[in-house]
């Protein structure tokens, strides 16, 4: 285990031996997050459409379960959860880090791409939530989605992405209310533009990069590690009375 300012076994933030499903496990936000969750002693299952990426994760985390499937296929998600419970006996939580980010002006964006964005970022999030919640009826659990500051701010050329993420934040609120009495807590994290594999192509354009930095009051882009604290809080005892929220981790971006 690597060191932390609050130790991995701090009872308030302890996730040791808890079982979490990570969807979109091969993505840019998930990869460093998985390292953090592993360092804290949790058990993990990985769900992604990227079979090569899953094989790499399996070699790094031999005790984890891997399952290849699409985020918008309910049968596949359900089959994955069955495997998780067969292997670990329980599912304590799910983190959905799957997402697509098309940046294109609204007059020219391909409608198929627009629909794909909604299928992954919204419809997939709904199906994941529902399948996971069905397995949490008896003992509760935690569901955490990665939303975006685009849930809240209107960036030019983000029509598909911003619509999907705004809808995701509202979905989180509704599901939280529906499932509160079952102690199934549903929340989202809203990062500012973060340096990951997903955003690398756009951020290599220095004009785009500088504009993104200028829009953030703290004058830097987000890092995946910025999200660790809020996510661990929502996964652990520290988040026991938090549900229906999108927590913005954005260097002040949503204040602009």
Protein backbone atom coordinates (compact mmCIF):
# COMPACT_ATOMS: atom_id res chain seq x y z
CA UNK A 1 0.00 0.00 0.00
CA UNK A 2 1.23 3.46 -0.75
CA UNK A 3 0.96 6.14 1.90
CA UNK A 4 -1.96 8.51 2.38
CA UNK A 5 -2.47 11.48 4.64
CA UNK A 6 -5.42 9.58 5.98
CA UNK A 7 -4.43 5.97 6.26
CA UNK A 8 -6.22 3.35 4.17
CA UNK A 9 -7.78 1.96 7.38
CA UNK A 10 -9.19 5.21 8.77
CA UNK A 11 -12.61 3.89 9.90
CA UNK A 12 -14.45 6.85 8.42
CA UNK A 13 -13.05 6.23 4.93
CA UNK A 14 -12.38 2.48 5.21
CA UNK A 15 -13.31 0.43 2.13
CA UNK A 16 -11.14 -2.58 2.96
CA UNK A 17 -12.73 -5.86 1.76
CA UNK A 18 -15.69 -4.03 0.21
CA UNK A 19 -16.67 -5.18 -3.29
CA UNK A 20 -17.00 -2.63 -6.09
CA UNK A 21 -17.91 -2.93 -9.74
CA UNK A 22 -16.02 -0.43 -11.91
CA UNK A 23 -17.74 0.20 -15.25
CA UNK A 24 -15.67 1.78 -17.98
CA UNK A 25 -12.70 0.29 -16.16
CA UNK A 26 -10.27 0.76 -19.05
CA UNK A 27 -10.93 4.49 -19.40
CA UNK A 28 -8.65 7.35 -18.50
CA UNK A 29 -10.37 8.30 -15.24
CA UNK A 30 -10.82 4.73 -14.06
CA UNK A 31 -7.22 3.54 -14.42
CA UNK A 32 -5.67 5.70 -11.65
CA UNK A 33 -8.81 5.37 -9.53
CA UNK A 34 -8.52 1.58 -9.63
CA UNK A 35 -4.96 1.84 -8.28
CA UNK A 36 -6.24 3.96 -5.39
CA UNK A 37 -9.13 1.61 -4.58
CA UNK A 38 -6.80 -1.39 -4.72
CA UNK A 39 -4.34 0.31 -2.36
CA UNK A 40 -7.17 0.65 0.14
CA UNK A 41 -7.81 -3.09 0.13
CA UNK A 42 -11.12 -3.27 -1.73
CA UNK A 43 -12.17 -6.12 -4.01
CA UNK A 44 -13.01 -5.19 -7.57
CA UNK A 45 -14.80 -6.30 -10.70
CA UNK A 46 -14.12 -4.58 -14.02
CA UNK A 47 -16.70 -4.10 -16.78
CA UNK A 48 -15.72 -2.64 -20.14
CA UNK A 49 -16.16 -3.20 -23.86
CA UNK A 50 -12.36 -3.12 -24.34
CA UNK A 51 -11.24 -6.76 -24.05
CA UNK A 52 -7.55 -5.97 -24.54
CA UNK A 53 -7.69 -3.38 -21.77
CA UNK A 54 -9.48 -5.86 -19.50
CA UNK A 55 -6.77 -8.46 -20.09
CA UNK A 56 -4.15 -5.90 -19.03
CA UNK A 57 -6.15 -5.11 -15.89
CA UNK A 58 -6.46 -8.81 -15.09
CA UNK A 59 -2.69 -9.27 -15.23
CA UNK A 60 -2.22 -6.29 -12.89
CA UNK A 61 -5.06 -7.30 -10.53
CA UNK A 62 -5.24 -11.12 -10.66
CA UNK A 63 -7.85 -11.32 -7.88
CA UNK A 64 -10.29 -9.06 -9.73
CA UNK A 65 -13.16 -10.26 -11.89
CA UNK A 66 -13.22 -9.03 -15.48
CA UNK A 67 -16.28 -9.01 -17.72
CA UNK A 68 -16.43 -7.75 -21.29
CA UNK A 69 -19.68 -6.09 -22.31
CA UNK A 70 -21.37 -2.97 -23.56
CA UNK A 71 -22.68 -0.37 -21.13
CA UNK A 72 -26.01 -0.21 -22.97
CA UNK A 73 -26.67 -3.98 -22.89
CA UNK A 74 -28.82 -4.86 -19.88
CA UNK A 75 -28.40 -8.64 -20.31
CA UNK A 76 -24.62 -8.31 -20.29
CA UNK A 77 -24.59 -6.06 -17.21
CA UNK A 78 -26.91 -8.47 -15.38
CA UNK A 79 -24.70 -11.43 -16.27
CA UNK A 80 -21.69 -9.52 -14.94
CA UNK A 81 -23.40 -8.82 -11.61
CA UNK A 82 -24.33 -12.50 -11.26
CA UNK A 83 -20.63 -13.36 -11.71
CA UNK A 84 -19.60 -10.72 -9.17
CA UNK A 85 -21.93 -12.14 -6.53
CA UNK A 86 -20.87 -15.71 -7.35
CA UNK A 87 -17.22 -14.76 -6.83
CA UNK A 88 -17.42 -12.32 -3.92
CA UNK A 89 -20.81 -13.08 -2.34
CA UNK A 90 -21.94 -9.46 -2.38
CA UNK A 91 -21.77 -6.16 -4.27
CA UNK A 92 -21.24 -3.07 -2.11
CA UNK A 93 -21.02 -0.42 -4.78
CA UNK A 94 -20.60 0.57 -8.39
CA UNK A 95 -18.55 3.36 -9.96
CA UNK A 96 -19.50 4.24 -13.51
CA UNK A 97 -16.57 5.86 -15.30
CA UNK A 98 -17.68 4.98 -18.84
CA UNK A 99 -18.18 7.90 -21.18
CA UNK A 100 -17.72 9.38 -24.62
CA UNK A 101 -16.81 13.01 -25.34
CA UNK A 102 -17.74 14.28 -28.80
CA UNK A 103 -16.82 17.95 -29.25
CA UNK A 104 -18.46 19.28 -32.40
CA UNK A 105 -20.63 22.22 -33.36
CA UNK A 106 -24.35 21.56 -33.37
CA UNK A 107 -24.85 22.36 -37.06
CA UNK A 108 -22.45 19.65 -38.17
CA UNK A 109 -22.40 16.91 -35.51
CA UNK A 110 -23.38 13.55 -36.94
CA UNK A 111 -26.74 12.53 -35.47
CA UNK A 112 -25.50 8.99 -34.98
CA UNK A 113 -22.66 10.34 -32.82
CA UNK A 114 -25.14 12.45 -30.85
CA UNK A 115 -27.24 9.35 -30.15
CA UNK A 116 -24.18 7.27 -29.24
CA UNK A 117 -23.22 9.91 -26.68
CA UNK A 118 -26.65 9.65 -25.05
CA UNK A 119 -26.60 5.84 -25.27
CA UNK A 120 -23.32 5.62 -23.36
CA UNK A 121 -23.45 8.60 -21.01
CA UNK A 122 -27.14 8.48 -20.07
CA UNK A 123 -28.86 5.27 -21.13
CA UNK A 124 -25.90 3.13 -20.08
CA UNK A 125 -25.81 4.90 -16.72
CA UNK A 126 -29.50 4.13 -16.22
CA UNK A 127 -29.12 0.45 -17.11
CA UNK A 128 -26.06 0.06 -14.88
CA UNK A 129 -27.84 1.75 -11.98
CA UNK A 130 -30.95 -0.37 -12.33
CA UNK A 131 -29.10 -3.69 -12.63
CA UNK A 132 -26.86 -2.87 -9.67
CA UNK A 133 -29.77 -1.63 -7.54
CA UNK A 134 -31.68 -4.87 -8.14
CA UNK A 135 -28.81 -6.71 -6.46
CA UNK A 136 -28.78 -4.24 -3.53
CA UNK A 137 -32.43 -4.53 -2.48
CA UNK A 138 -31.69 -6.30 0.80
CA UNK A 139 -28.59 -4.58 2.14
CA UNK A 140 -28.23 -1.26 0.31
CA UNK A 141 -25.15 0.03 -1.45
CA UNK A 142 -23.46 2.91 -3.21
CA UNK A 143 -23.80 3.99 -6.84
CA UNK A 144 -21.43 6.68 -8.12
CA UNK A 145 -21.46 8.13 -11.63
CA UNK A 146 -18.92 10.40 -13.24
CA UNK A 147 -20.90 13.42 -14.47
CA UNK A 148 -19.21 16.68 -15.51
CA UNK A 149 -19.19 20.43 -15.03
CA UNK A 150 -21.00 20.26 -18.38
CA UNK A 151 -24.07 19.23 -16.38
CA UNK A 152 -24.10 22.83 -15.20
CA UNK A 153 -22.25 25.08 -17.66
CA UNK A 154 -22.89 25.66 -21.38
CA UNK A 155 -19.70 25.08 -23.36
CA UNK A 156 -19.78 25.76 -27.10
CA UNK A 157 -19.64 22.57 -29.23
CA UNK A 158 -20.71 20.37 -26.30
CA UNK A 159 -24.41 19.92 -27.18
CA UNK A 160 -24.36 16.12 -27.09
CA UNK A 161 -22.04 15.75 -24.11
CA UNK A 162 -23.59 18.51 -21.99
CA UNK A 163 -27.12 17.22 -22.64
CA UNK A 164 -26.11 13.70 -21.63
CA UNK A 165 -24.36 14.83 -18.45
CA UNK A 166 -27.11 17.25 -17.37
CA UNK A 167 -29.61 14.42 -17.81
CA UNK A 168 -27.32 12.11 -15.83
CA UNK A 169 -27.25 14.53 -12.89
CA UNK A 170 -31.05 14.67 -12.87
CA UNK A 171 -31.25 10.86 -13.19
CA UNK A 172 -29.04 10.61 -10.10
CA UNK A 173 -31.48 12.80 -8.14
CA UNK A 174 -34.52 10.77 -9.15
CA UNK A 175 -32.92 7.37 -8.50
CA UNK A 176 -31.62 8.61 -5.14
CA UNK A 177 -35.14 9.55 -4.13
CA UNK A 178 -36.66 6.30 -5.41
CA UNK A 179 -34.13 4.08 -3.64
CA UNK A 180 -33.42 6.05 -0.45
CA UNK A 181 -35.55 3.81 1.78
CA UNK A 182 -33.53 0.80 0.58
CA UNK A 183 -30.31 2.60 1.63
CA UNK A 184 -29.08 2.60 -1.97
CA UNK A 185 -27.24 5.91 -2.22
CA UNK A 186 -26.86 7.40 -5.70
CA UNK A 187 -24.48 10.28 -6.40
CA UNK A 188 -22.29 11.75 -9.12
CA UNK A 189 -18.94 13.48 -9.28
CA UNK A 190 -18.69 16.47 -11.66
CA UNK A 191 -15.08 17.02 -12.73
CA UNK A 192 -13.79 19.95 -14.71
CA UNK A 193 -11.88 19.10 -17.88
CA UNK A 194 -9.38 16.50 -16.68
CA UNK A 195 -6.21 15.21 -18.29
CA UNK A 196 -6.96 11.62 -19.34
CA UNK A 197 -6.70 9.35 -22.37
CA UNK A 198 -10.18 10.54 -23.39
CA UNK A 199 -9.24 14.24 -23.45
CA UNK A 200 -5.60 13.97 -24.59
CA UNK A 201 -6.44 14.48 -28.27
CA UNK A 202 -8.31 17.73 -27.60
CA UNK A 203 -5.79 19.01 -25.05
CA UNK A 204 -2.90 18.59 -27.49
CA UNK A 205 -4.35 21.68 -29.23
CA UNK A 206 -2.65 24.47 -27.25
CA UNK A 207 -5.41 27.00 -27.99
CA UNK A 208 -8.08 24.57 -26.70
CA UNK A 209 -5.93 23.75 -23.68
CA UNK A 210 -5.32 27.39 -22.73
CA UNK A 211 -9.00 28.28 -23.11
CA UNK A 212 -9.89 25.38 -20.82
CA UNK A 213 -7.39 26.53 -18.18
CA UNK A 214 -8.56 30.15 -18.45
CA UNK A 215 -12.15 29.06 -17.70
CA UNK A 216 -11.12 27.48 -14.37
CA UNK A 217 -10.60 29.98 -11.52
CA UNK A 218 -7.81 27.85 -10.01
CA UNK A 219 -6.01 28.12 -13.38
CA UNK A 220 -5.21 24.46 -13.98
CA UNK A 221 -6.84 21.42 -15.51
CA UNK A 222 -8.20 18.65 -13.35
CA UNK A 223 -6.18 15.55 -12.49
CA UNK A 224 -7.69 12.10 -11.91
CA UNK A 225 -6.25 12.20 -8.37
CA UNK A 226 -8.43 15.24 -7.60
CA UNK A 227 -11.41 12.88 -7.65
CA UNK A 228 -10.05 10.26 -5.24
CA UNK A 229 -11.10 12.01 -2.02
CA UNK A 230 -14.72 12.71 -2.98
CA UNK A 231 -15.17 9.24 -4.50
CA UNK A 232 -13.72 7.44 -1.46
CA UNK A 233 -15.98 9.58 0.74
CA UNK A 234 -19.06 8.50 -1.25
CA UNK A 235 -17.95 4.84 -1.14
CA UNK A 236 -17.38 4.76 2.61
CA UNK A 237 -18.99 5.47 5.99
CA UNK A 238 -18.11 9.15 5.48
CA UNK A 239 -20.82 9.37 2.80
CA UNK A 240 -23.55 7.56 4.73
CA UNK A 241 -26.07 10.45 4.57
CA UNK A 242 -25.24 11.83 1.12
CA UNK A 243 -27.51 10.93 -1.79
CA UNK A 244 -28.86 12.58 -4.93
CA UNK A 245 -25.90 14.93 -5.27
CA UNK A 246 -23.56 15.90 -8.06
CA UNK A 247 -20.39 17.00 -6.28
CA UNK A 248 -18.39 19.32 -8.50
CA UNK A 249 -14.62 18.87 -8.32
CA UNK A 250 -13.77 21.62 -10.71
CA UNK A 251 -11.36 24.26 -9.40
CA UNK A 252 -14.29 26.67 -9.30
CA UNK A 253 -15.39 26.15 -12.94
CA UNK A 254 -19.10 26.11 -12.08
CA UNK A 255 -18.82 29.50 -10.34
CA UNK A 256 -18.00 31.25 -13.62
